[in-house]
Amino acid sequence: MKSYIAELHVHTVLSPCAEVEMLPPLIVQEALDQGIGLIAITDHNASANARAVQKAAAGAELVVLAGMELQTREEVHMLCIFDTVEQLEHWQATVDVYMPALVNNPEYYGDQFVVDENGDYIRTESQLLITSANLSLHEAVEGVRALGGMVIPAHVNRNSFSLLTNLGLVPTDVHFDALEISRHLSPADAPVKFPQLRGYPLIQSGDVHRLDEFLGRNVFKVEAPTVAELKMALAQQHGRSMSFRSLRTV
C-alpha cells in the first residue's frame, strides 16, 4: 500500500471563475510543492484542459485524474472523476447534449481558456459553462458510474449549488462514493452540524480556483491511485483507507 495526499477538486483557466494563474505547469508545481501526490481536474461542465494537466505532470510524482464538476438540473454541483481522459471525453459528449445553447459573456462570467501543457493559449470556449446541464442528479450518477467513474457531490455544506441547500437532504436512492465538505467545516464537526451526513464517507477539498487554495487534506492508502482503489479506500475496504491530514488551518 502507498499513501497519497489528494486534492480532488481543482479548476483550470477553463472554468470562468478560476484565476488566470490556474495553468497546467503552475498547478502541477504547486501540488508538488505542497507534497500532494494525487489531484483531479474538475472544471465546470468541461474537460478540455484535463489532458494538458496530465501532460504537464508527466515524469513528476503527481497523478492527475480526469474529472468534471457537473452542475445538474437541480443546480447541484457534483464531482465526476475518471481514471482516463477517454472516459471523461465520453462523459463530456453526453453532457454536451444537455447543455443549453448559451454563449459565455466573459465580461460578466469570466474567460474560459483552453490551453496546452505549457499553459499556452489554444482557444476560447464559447459555450457558457456556469449553468446547469439538463441532467437530473439520478441521471448523472448513473451515467458516470456506467463509464467507471466515481461520483462525489461537491461542497455539500455550502449555501449554494449543494445537496443540502438545494434538496434539503442526501437522497437515499442514489449511490454516492463520498460527500465533499468545504474547507470551512472540519470532518469531525460535519456530522454534528449536519446530521444528514452521518454514515457517508467524507472528503475535504479546497475547491481550488487559485494556487493558494490547495488544501491537501485527504490521505488515501491504496495499492494504486485509481478510481477503483479510491472507492475501496472511501469504503474502508480490503485494507484500503482514507483519513484526514492534520493542518494548521482548515
C-alpha atoms as a PDB file:
ATOM      1  CA  MET A   1       0.000   0.000   0.000  1.00  0.00           C
ATOM      2  CA  LYS A   2       1.069   3.569  -0.666  1.00  0.00           C
ATOM      3  CA  SER A   3      -0.276   6.797   0.807  1.00  0.00           C
ATOM      4  CA  TYR A   4      -1.306   9.673  -1.430  1.00  0.00           C
ATOM      5  CA  ILE A   5      -2.172  13.152  -0.240  1.00  0.00           C
ATOM      6  CA  ALA A   6      -5.025  14.125  -2.518  1.00  0.00           C
ATOM      7  CA  GLU A   7      -6.843  17.225  -3.746  1.00  0.00           C
ATOM      8  CA  LEU A   8      -9.812  16.065  -5.814  1.00  0.00           C
ATOM      9  CA  HIS A   9     -11.394  19.397  -6.759  1.00  0.00           C
ATOM     10  CA  VAL A  10      -9.090  21.543  -8.921  1.00  0.00           C
ATOM     11  CA  HIS A  11     -10.102  24.045 -11.590  1.00  0.00           C
ATOM     12  CA  THR A  12      -8.097  25.416 -14.503  1.00  0.00           C
ATOM     13  CA  VAL A  13      -8.452  28.561 -16.607  1.00  0.00           C
ATOM     14  CA  LEU A  14     -11.220  26.765 -18.498  1.00  0.00           C
ATOM     15  CA  SER A  15     -13.511  27.495 -15.555  1.00  0.00           C
ATOM     16  CA  PRO A  16     -14.569  31.146 -15.824  1.00  0.00           C
ATOM     17  CA  CYS A  17     -14.409  31.570 -12.046  1.00  0.00           C
ATOM     18  CA  ALA A  18     -10.772  30.402 -11.858  1.00  0.00           C
ATOM     19  CA  GLU A  19      -7.836  32.792 -11.715  1.00  0.00           C
ATOM     20  CA  VAL A  20      -5.607  33.180 -14.768  1.00  0.00           C
ATOM     21  CA  GLU A  21      -2.764  31.565 -12.777  1.00  0.00           C
ATOM     22  CA  MET A  22      -4.534  28.179 -12.925  1.00  0.00           C
ATOM     23  CA  LEU A  23      -2.360  26.903 -15.759  1.00  0.00           C
ATOM     24  CA  PRO A  24      -1.186  23.280 -16.086  1.00  0.00           C
ATOM     25  CA  PRO A  25       2.508  23.737 -15.188  1.00  0.00           C
ATOM     26  CA  LEU A  26       1.693  26.029 -12.257  1.00  0.00           C
ATOM     27  CA  ILE A  27      -0.977  23.664 -10.946  1.00  0.00           C
ATOM     28  CA  VAL A  28       1.485  20.768 -11.095  1.00  0.00           C
ATOM     29  CA  GLN A  29       4.276  22.700  -9.408  1.00  0.00           C
ATOM     30  CA  GLU A  30       2.033  23.977  -6.620  1.00  0.00           C
ATOM     31  CA  ALA A  31       0.730  20.485  -5.902  1.00  0.00           C
ATOM     32  CA  LEU A  32       4.262  19.109  -5.769  1.00  0.00           C
ATOM     33  CA  ASP A  33       5.435  21.958  -3.532  1.00  0.00           C
ATOM     34  CA  GLN A  34       2.691  21.055  -1.076  1.00  0.00           C
ATOM     35  CA  GLY A  35       3.507  17.344  -1.089  1.00  0.00           C
ATOM     36  CA  ILE A  36       0.287  16.448  -2.889  1.00  0.00           C
ATOM     37  CA  GLY A  37       0.578  13.302  -4.980  1.00  0.00           C
ATOM     38  CA  LEU A  38      -2.901  12.976  -6.443  1.00  0.00           C
ATOM     39  CA  ILE A  39      -5.227  15.581  -7.942  1.00  0.00           C
ATOM     40  CA  ALA A  40      -8.367  15.599 -10.060  1.00  0.00           C
ATOM     41  CA  ILE A  41      -9.017  18.315 -12.625  1.00  0.00           C
ATOM     42  CA  THR A  42     -12.682  19.287 -12.311  1.00  0.00           C
ATOM     43  CA  ASP A  43     -13.660  22.247 -14.474  1.00  0.00           C
ATOM     44  CA  HIS A  44     -17.275  23.372 -14.626  1.00  0.00           C
ATOM     45  CA  ASN A  45     -19.187  21.184 -17.112  1.00  0.00           C
ATOM     46  CA  ALA A  46     -15.966  20.932 -19.156  1.00  0.00           C
ATOM     47  CA  SER A  47     -13.000  18.659 -19.750  1.00  0.00           C
ATOM     48  CA  ALA A  48     -10.745  20.222 -22.399  1.00  0.00           C
ATOM     49  CA  ASN A  49      -7.814  21.041 -20.076  1.00  0.00           C
ATOM     50  CA  ALA A  50      -7.586  17.710 -18.238  1.00  0.00           C
ATOM     51  CA  ARG A  51      -5.210  16.152 -20.765  1.00  0.00           C
ATOM     52  CA  ALA A  52      -2.957  19.220 -20.683  1.00  0.00           C
ATOM     53  CA  VAL A  53      -2.515  18.936 -16.911  1.00  0.00           C
ATOM     54  CA  GLN A  54      -1.768  15.230 -17.250  1.00  0.00           C
ATOM     55  CA  LYS A  55       0.910  16.054 -19.824  1.00  0.00           C
ATOM     56  CA  ALA A  56       2.331  18.782 -17.596  1.00  0.00           C
ATOM     57  CA  ALA A  57       2.672  16.200 -14.803  1.00  0.00           C
ATOM     58  CA  ALA A  58       4.448  13.622 -16.967  1.00  0.00           C
ATOM     59  CA  GLY A  59       7.542  12.367 -15.180  1.00  0.00           C
ATOM     60  CA  ALA A  60       6.584  14.033 -11.897  1.00  0.00           C
ATOM     61  CA  GLU A  61       5.469  12.388  -8.659  1.00  0.00           C
ATOM     62  CA  LEU A  62       1.918  13.514  -9.284  1.00  0.00           C
ATOM     63  CA  VAL A  63      -1.065  11.542 -10.557  1.00  0.00           C
ATOM     64  CA  VAL A  64      -3.723  13.565 -12.373  1.00  0.00           C
ATOM     65  CA  LEU A  65      -7.198  12.078 -12.647  1.00  0.00           C
ATOM     66  CA  ALA A  66      -9.596  13.341 -15.312  1.00  0.00           C
ATOM     67  CA  GLY A  67     -12.758  14.900 -13.945  1.00  0.00           C
ATOM     68  CA  MET A  68     -15.508  17.466 -14.202  1.00  0.00           C
ATOM     69  CA  GLU A  69     -17.636  19.485 -11.804  1.00  0.00           C
ATOM     70  CA  LEU A  70     -21.070  18.947 -13.285  1.00  0.00           C
ATOM     71  CA  GLN A  71     -23.966  21.252 -12.489  1.00  0.00           C
ATOM     72  CA  THR A  72     -27.124  19.150 -12.577  1.00  0.00           C
ATOM     73  CA  ARG A  73     -30.667  20.190 -13.412  1.00  0.00           C
ATOM     74  CA  GLU A  74     -31.236  20.742  -9.689  1.00  0.00           C
ATOM     75  CA  GLU A  75     -28.257  23.163  -9.641  1.00  0.00           C
ATOM     76  CA  VAL A  76     -26.253  20.719  -7.541  1.00  0.00           C
ATOM     77  CA  HIS A  77     -22.514  20.607  -8.175  1.00  0.00           C
ATOM     78  CA  MET A  78     -21.148  17.092  -8.466  1.00  0.00           C
ATOM     79  CA  LEU A  79     -17.579  15.866  -8.955  1.00  0.00           C
ATOM     80  CA  CYS A  80     -17.350  13.252 -11.708  1.00  0.00           C
ATOM     81  CA  ILE A  81     -13.908  11.616 -11.598  1.00  0.00           C
ATOM     82  CA  PHE A  82     -12.420   9.080 -14.012  1.00  0.00           C
ATOM     83  CA  ASP A  83      -9.147   7.254 -14.494  1.00  0.00           C
ATOM     84  CA  THR A  84      -8.661   8.381 -18.084  1.00  0.00           C
ATOM     85  CA  VAL A  85      -9.306  11.354 -20.322  1.00  0.00           C
ATOM     86  CA  GLU A  86     -11.019   8.990 -22.761  1.00  0.00           C
ATOM     87  CA  GLN A  87     -13.671   8.115 -20.156  1.00  0.00           C
ATOM     88  CA  LEU A  88     -14.090  11.796 -19.382  1.00  0.00           C
ATOM     89  CA  GLU A  89     -14.482  12.650 -23.059  1.00  0.00           C
ATOM     90  CA  HIS A  90     -17.271  10.059 -23.349  1.00  0.00           C
ATOM     91  CA  TRP A  91     -18.978  11.740 -20.409  1.00  0.00           C
ATOM     92  CA  GLN A  92     -18.394  15.181 -21.954  1.00  0.00           C
ATOM     93  CA  ALA A  93     -20.178  14.046 -25.124  1.00  0.00           C
ATOM     94  CA  THR A  94     -23.227  13.189 -23.022  1.00  0.00           C
ATOM     95  CA  VAL A  95     -23.111  16.423 -21.050  1.00  0.00           C
ATOM     96  CA  ASP A  96     -22.810  18.491 -24.241  1.00  0.00           C
ATOM     97  CA  VAL A  97     -26.141  17.149 -25.481  1.00  0.00           C
ATOM     98  CA  TYR A  98     -27.840  18.505 -22.353  1.00  0.00           C
ATOM     99  CA  MET A  99     -26.109  21.883 -22.131  1.00  0.00           C
ATOM    100  CA  PRO A 100     -28.254  24.914 -23.031  1.00  0.00           C
ATOM    101  CA  ALA A 101     -27.291  26.797 -26.185  1.00  0.00           C
ATOM    102  CA  LEU A 102     -25.925  29.822 -24.349  1.00  0.00           C
ATOM    103  CA  VAL A 103     -22.818  31.840 -25.217  1.00  0.00           C
ATOM    104  CA  ASN A 104     -20.471  32.926 -22.453  1.00  0.00           C
ATOM    105  CA  ASN A 105     -20.160  36.616 -21.658  1.00  0.00           C
ATOM    106  CA  PRO A 106     -16.573  36.878 -20.392  1.00  0.00           C
ATOM    107  CA  GLU A 107     -17.082  40.397 -19.051  1.00  0.00           C
ATOM    108  CA  TYR A 108     -19.780  39.066 -16.730  1.00  0.00           C
ATOM    109  CA  TYR A 109     -18.793  35.441 -16.028  1.00  0.00           C
ATOM    110  CA  GLY A 110     -15.063  35.389 -16.821  1.00  0.00           C
ATOM    111  CA  ASP A 111     -12.873  33.961 -19.557  1.00  0.00           C
ATOM    112  CA  GLN A 112     -12.885  30.271 -20.483  1.00  0.00           C
ATOM    113  CA  PHE A 113      -9.479  29.328 -21.902  1.00  0.00           C
ATOM    114  CA  VAL A 114      -8.309  26.033 -23.357  1.00  0.00           C
ATOM    115  CA  VAL A 115      -4.518  25.749 -23.022  1.00  0.00           C
ATOM    116  CA  ASP A 116      -1.745  23.252 -23.666  1.00  0.00           C
ATOM    117  CA  GLU A 117       0.579  21.563 -21.177  1.00  0.00           C
ATOM    118  CA  ASN A 118       2.831  24.628 -21.134  1.00  0.00           C
ATOM    119  CA  GLY A 119      -0.065  26.931 -20.358  1.00  0.00           C
ATOM    120  CA  ASP A 120      -0.053  28.444 -23.847  1.00  0.00           C
ATOM    121  CA  TYR A 121      -3.366  29.604 -25.280  1.00  0.00           C
ATOM    122  CA  ILE A 122      -5.167  27.311 -27.734  1.00  0.00           C
ATOM    123  CA  ARG A 123      -8.686  28.707 -27.928  1.00  0.00           C
ATOM    124  CA  THR A 124     -11.524  30.298 -26.003  1.00  0.00           C
ATOM    125  CA  GLU A 125     -14.517  28.147 -25.107  1.00  0.00           C
ATOM    126  CA  SER A 126     -17.663  29.980 -26.218  1.00  0.00           C
ATOM    127  CA  GLN A 127     -20.249  27.730 -24.563  1.00  0.00           C
ATOM    128  CA  LEU A 128     -21.425  29.167 -21.256  1.00  0.00           C
ATOM    129  CA  LEU A 129     -20.089  26.728 -18.662  1.00  0.00           C
ATOM    130  CA  ILE A 130     -21.511  28.287 -15.494  1.00  0.00           C
ATOM    131  CA  THR A 131     -25.004  26.879 -15.953  1.00  0.00           C
ATOM    132  CA  SER A 132     -26.948  23.665 -15.455  1.00  0.00           C
ATOM    133  CA  ALA A 133     -26.968  20.747 -17.820  1.00  0.00           C
ATOM    134  CA  ASN A 134     -30.462  19.326 -18.274  1.00  0.00           C
ATOM    135  CA  LEU A 135     -29.440  16.140 -16.483  1.00  0.00           C
ATOM    136  CA  SER A 136     -31.036  15.130 -13.216  1.00  0.00           C
ATOM    137  CA  LEU A 137     -28.889  14.088 -10.289  1.00  0.00           C
ATOM    138  CA  HIS A 138     -30.056  10.497 -10.740  1.00  0.00           C
ATOM    139  CA  GLU A 139     -29.297  10.501 -14.473  1.00  0.00           C
ATOM    140  CA  ALA A 140     -25.862  11.984 -13.917  1.00  0.00           C
ATOM    141  CA  VAL A 141     -24.884   9.479 -11.226  1.00  0.00           C
ATOM    142  CA  GLU A 142     -25.997   6.564 -13.382  1.00  0.00           C
ATOM    143  CA  GLY A 143     -24.118   7.919 -16.403  1.00  0.00           C
ATOM    144  CA  VAL A 144     -20.846   8.474 -14.574  1.00  0.00           C
ATOM    145  CA  ARG A 145     -20.939   5.104 -12.859  1.00  0.00           C
ATOM    146  CA  ALA A 146     -21.720   3.341 -16.156  1.00  0.00           C
ATOM    147  CA  LEU A 147     -18.446   4.744 -17.523  1.00  0.00           C
ATOM    148  CA  GLY A 148     -16.484   3.521 -14.496  1.00  0.00           C
ATOM    149  CA  GLY A 149     -16.260   6.877 -12.754  1.00  0.00           C
ATOM    150  CA  MET A 150     -16.801   7.956  -9.175  1.00  0.00           C
ATOM    151  CA  VAL A 151     -19.403  10.447  -8.000  1.00  0.00           C
ATOM    152  CA  ILE A 152     -18.956  12.935  -5.149  1.00  0.00           C
ATOM    153  CA  PRO A 153     -21.437  15.775  -4.565  1.00  0.00           C
ATOM    154  CA  ALA A 154     -19.377  18.919  -4.065  1.00  0.00           C
ATOM    155  CA  HIS A 155     -19.234  21.237  -1.031  1.00  0.00           C
ATOM    156  CA  VAL A 156     -22.452  19.813   0.397  1.00  0.00           C
ATOM    157  CA  ASN A 157     -22.410  22.271   3.315  1.00  0.00           C
ATOM    158  CA  ARG A 158     -22.294  25.386   1.150  1.00  0.00           C
ATOM    159  CA  ASN A 159     -25.213  27.799   0.878  1.00  0.00           C
ATOM    160  CA  SER A 160     -25.431  27.427  -2.883  1.00  0.00           C
ATOM    161  CA  PHE A 161     -25.117  24.691  -5.513  1.00  0.00           C
ATOM    162  CA  SER A 162     -25.135  21.935  -2.891  1.00  0.00           C
ATOM    163  CA  LEU A 163     -27.195  18.898  -1.945  1.00  0.00           C
ATOM    164  CA  LEU A 164     -28.211  20.161   1.466  1.00  0.00           C
ATOM    165  CA  THR A 165     -29.180  23.650   0.323  1.00  0.00           C
ATOM    166  CA  ASN A 166     -30.920  22.740  -2.916  1.00  0.00           C
ATOM    167  CA  LEU A 167     -32.502  19.414  -1.928  1.00  0.00           C
ATOM    168  CA  GLY A 168     -32.506  19.659   1.851  1.00  0.00           C
ATOM    169  CA  LEU A 169     -31.203  16.121   2.210  1.00  0.00           C
ATOM    170  CA  VAL A 170     -28.903  13.427   0.860  1.00  0.00           C
ATOM    171  CA  PRO A 171     -31.040  11.223  -1.419  1.00  0.00           C
ATOM    172  CA  THR A 172     -31.036   7.641  -0.193  1.00  0.00           C
ATOM    173  CA  ASP A 173     -31.916   6.180  -3.596  1.00  0.00           C
ATOM    174  CA  VAL A 174     -28.698   7.385  -5.247  1.00  0.00           C
ATOM    175  CA  HIS A 175     -25.257   5.867  -4.672  1.00  0.00           C
ATOM    176  CA  PHE A 176     -22.540   8.402  -3.931  1.00  0.00           C
ATOM    177  CA  ASP A 177     -18.958   7.283  -3.378  1.00  0.00           C
ATOM    178  CA  ALA A 178     -18.444  10.093  -0.861  1.00  0.00           C
ATOM    179  CA  LEU A 179     -19.609  13.586   0.011  1.00  0.00           C
ATOM    180  CA  GLU A 180     -17.338  16.610  -0.142  1.00  0.00           C
ATOM    181  CA  ILE A 181     -17.240  19.234   2.594  1.00  0.00           C
ATOM    182  CA  SER A 182     -15.616  22.627   2.162  1.00  0.00           C
ATOM    183  CA  ARG A 183     -12.531  23.936   3.910  1.00  0.00           C
ATOM    184  CA  HIS A 184     -14.716  25.853   6.375  1.00  0.00           C
ATOM    185  CA  LEU A 185     -16.105  22.754   8.093  1.00  0.00           C
ATOM    186  CA  SER A 186     -13.986  20.194   9.925  1.00  0.00           C
ATOM    187  CA  PRO A 187     -14.667  16.492   9.261  1.00  0.00           C
ATOM    188  CA  ALA A 188     -15.304  15.984  12.977  1.00  0.00           C
ATOM    189  CA  ASP A 189     -17.894  18.747  13.122  1.00  0.00           C
ATOM    190  CA  ALA A 190     -19.605  17.869   9.837  1.00  0.00           C
ATOM    191  CA  PRO A 191     -21.968  15.115  11.096  1.00  0.00           C
ATOM    192  CA  VAL A 192     -22.709  17.121  14.240  1.00  0.00           C
ATOM    193  CA  LYS A 193     -23.737  20.254  12.370  1.00  0.00           C
ATOM    194  CA  PHE A 194     -25.334  18.313   9.530  1.00  0.00           C
ATOM    195  CA  PRO A 195     -26.765  15.006  10.795  1.00  0.00           C
ATOM    196  CA  GLN A 196     -27.734  14.124   7.203  1.00  0.00           C
ATOM    197  CA  LEU A 197     -24.033  13.401   6.552  1.00  0.00           C
ATOM    198  CA  ARG A 198     -23.763  10.639   9.137  1.00  0.00           C
ATOM    199  CA  GLY A 199     -22.787   7.299   7.688  1.00  0.00           C
ATOM    200  CA  TYR A 200     -21.345   8.725   4.466  1.00  0.00           C
ATOM    201  CA  PRO A 201     -17.634   8.783   3.617  1.00  0.00           C
ATOM    202  CA  LEU A 202     -16.382  12.370   3.533  1.00  0.00           C
ATOM    203  CA  ILE A 203     -13.596  14.134   1.704  1.00  0.00           C
ATOM    204  CA  GLN A 204     -12.497  17.716   2.202  1.00  0.00           C
ATOM    205  CA  SER A 205     -11.333  19.809  -0.711  1.00  0.00           C
ATOM    206  CA  GLY A 206     -10.007  23.275  -1.344  1.00  0.00           C
ATOM    207  CA  ASP A 207     -12.229  23.746  -4.417  1.00  0.00           C
ATOM    208  CA  VAL A 208      -9.089  25.193  -5.961  1.00  0.00           C
ATOM    209  CA  HIS A 209      -9.700  28.253  -8.150  1.00  0.00           C
ATOM    210  CA  ARG A 210      -6.339  29.862  -7.326  1.00  0.00           C
ATOM    211  CA  LEU A 211      -2.969  28.389  -6.428  1.00  0.00           C
ATOM    212  CA  ASP A 212      -3.087  29.285  -2.743  1.00  0.00           C
ATOM    213  CA  GLU A 213      -6.325  27.327  -2.280  1.00  0.00           C
ATOM    214  CA  PHE A 214      -4.808  23.841  -2.400  1.00  0.00           C
ATOM    215  CA  LEU A 215      -5.753  22.080   0.815  1.00  0.00           C
ATOM    216  CA  GLY A 216      -4.329  18.548   0.502  1.00  0.00           C
ATOM    217  CA  ARG A 217      -6.382  17.304   3.425  1.00  0.00           C
ATOM    218  CA  ASN A 218      -7.241  13.789   2.191  1.00  0.00           C
ATOM    219  CA  VAL A 219      -4.843  10.873   2.583  1.00  0.00           C
ATOM    220  CA  PHE A 220      -5.641   7.730   0.614  1.00  0.00           C
ATOM    221  CA  LYS A 221      -3.879   4.485   1.441  1.00  0.00           C
ATOM    222  CA  VAL A 222      -4.222   2.354  -1.684  1.00  0.00           C
ATOM    223  CA  GLU A 223      -2.335  -0.068  -3.893  1.00  0.00           C
ATOM    224  CA  ALA A 224      -2.617   2.297  -6.860  1.00  0.00           C
ATOM    225  CA  PRO A 225      -4.114   5.770  -7.476  1.00  0.00           C
ATOM    226  CA  THR A 226      -7.113   4.536  -9.453  1.00  0.00           C
ATOM    227  CA  VAL A 227     -10.826   5.188  -9.144  1.00  0.00           C
ATOM    228  CA  ALA A 228     -11.489   1.588  -8.109  1.00  0.00           C
ATOM    229  CA  GLU A 229      -8.877   1.813  -5.354  1.00  0.00           C
ATOM    230  CA  LEU A 230     -10.154   5.192  -4.159  1.00  0.00           C
ATOM    231  CA  LYS A 231     -13.664   3.782  -3.912  1.00  0.00           C
ATOM    232  CA  MET A 232     -12.404   0.946  -1.728  1.00  0.00           C
ATOM    233  CA  ALA A 233     -10.459   3.393   0.425  1.00  0.00           C
ATOM    234  CA  LEU A 234     -13.519   5.573   0.940  1.00  0.00           C
ATOM    235  CA  ALA A 235     -15.471   2.476   1.959  1.00  0.00           C
ATOM    236  CA  GLN A 236     -12.570   1.363   4.207  1.00  0.00           C
ATOM    237  CA  GLN A 237     -12.458  -1.990   2.404  1.00  0.00           C
ATOM    238  CA  HIS A 238      -9.762  -4.607   1.749  1.00  0.00           C
ATOM    239  CA  GLY A 239      -7.063  -2.823   3.714  1.00  0.00           C
ATOM    240  CA  ARG A 240      -7.503   0.454   1.858  1.00  0.00           C
ATOM    241  CA  SER A 241      -8.333   3.566   3.842  1.00  0.00           C
ATOM    242  CA  MET A 242      -8.927   7.295   3.697  1.00  0.00           C
ATOM    243  CA  SER A 243      -8.002   9.659   6.511  1.00  0.00           C
ATOM    244  CA  PHE A 244      -7.518  13.380   7.013  1.00  0.00           C
ATOM    245  CA  ARG A 245      -4.162  15.066   7.286  1.00  0.00           C
ATOM    246  CA  SER A 246      -3.776  17.453  10.186  1.00  0.00           C
ATOM    247  CA  LEU A 247      -3.342  21.040   9.060  1.00  0.00           C
ATOM    248  CA  ARG A 248      -2.535  24.267  10.858  1.00  0.00           C
ATOM    249  CA  THR A 249      -5.684  25.860   9.465  1.00  0.00           C
ATOM    250  CA  VAL A 250      -8.726  24.293   7.827  1.00  0.00           C
END
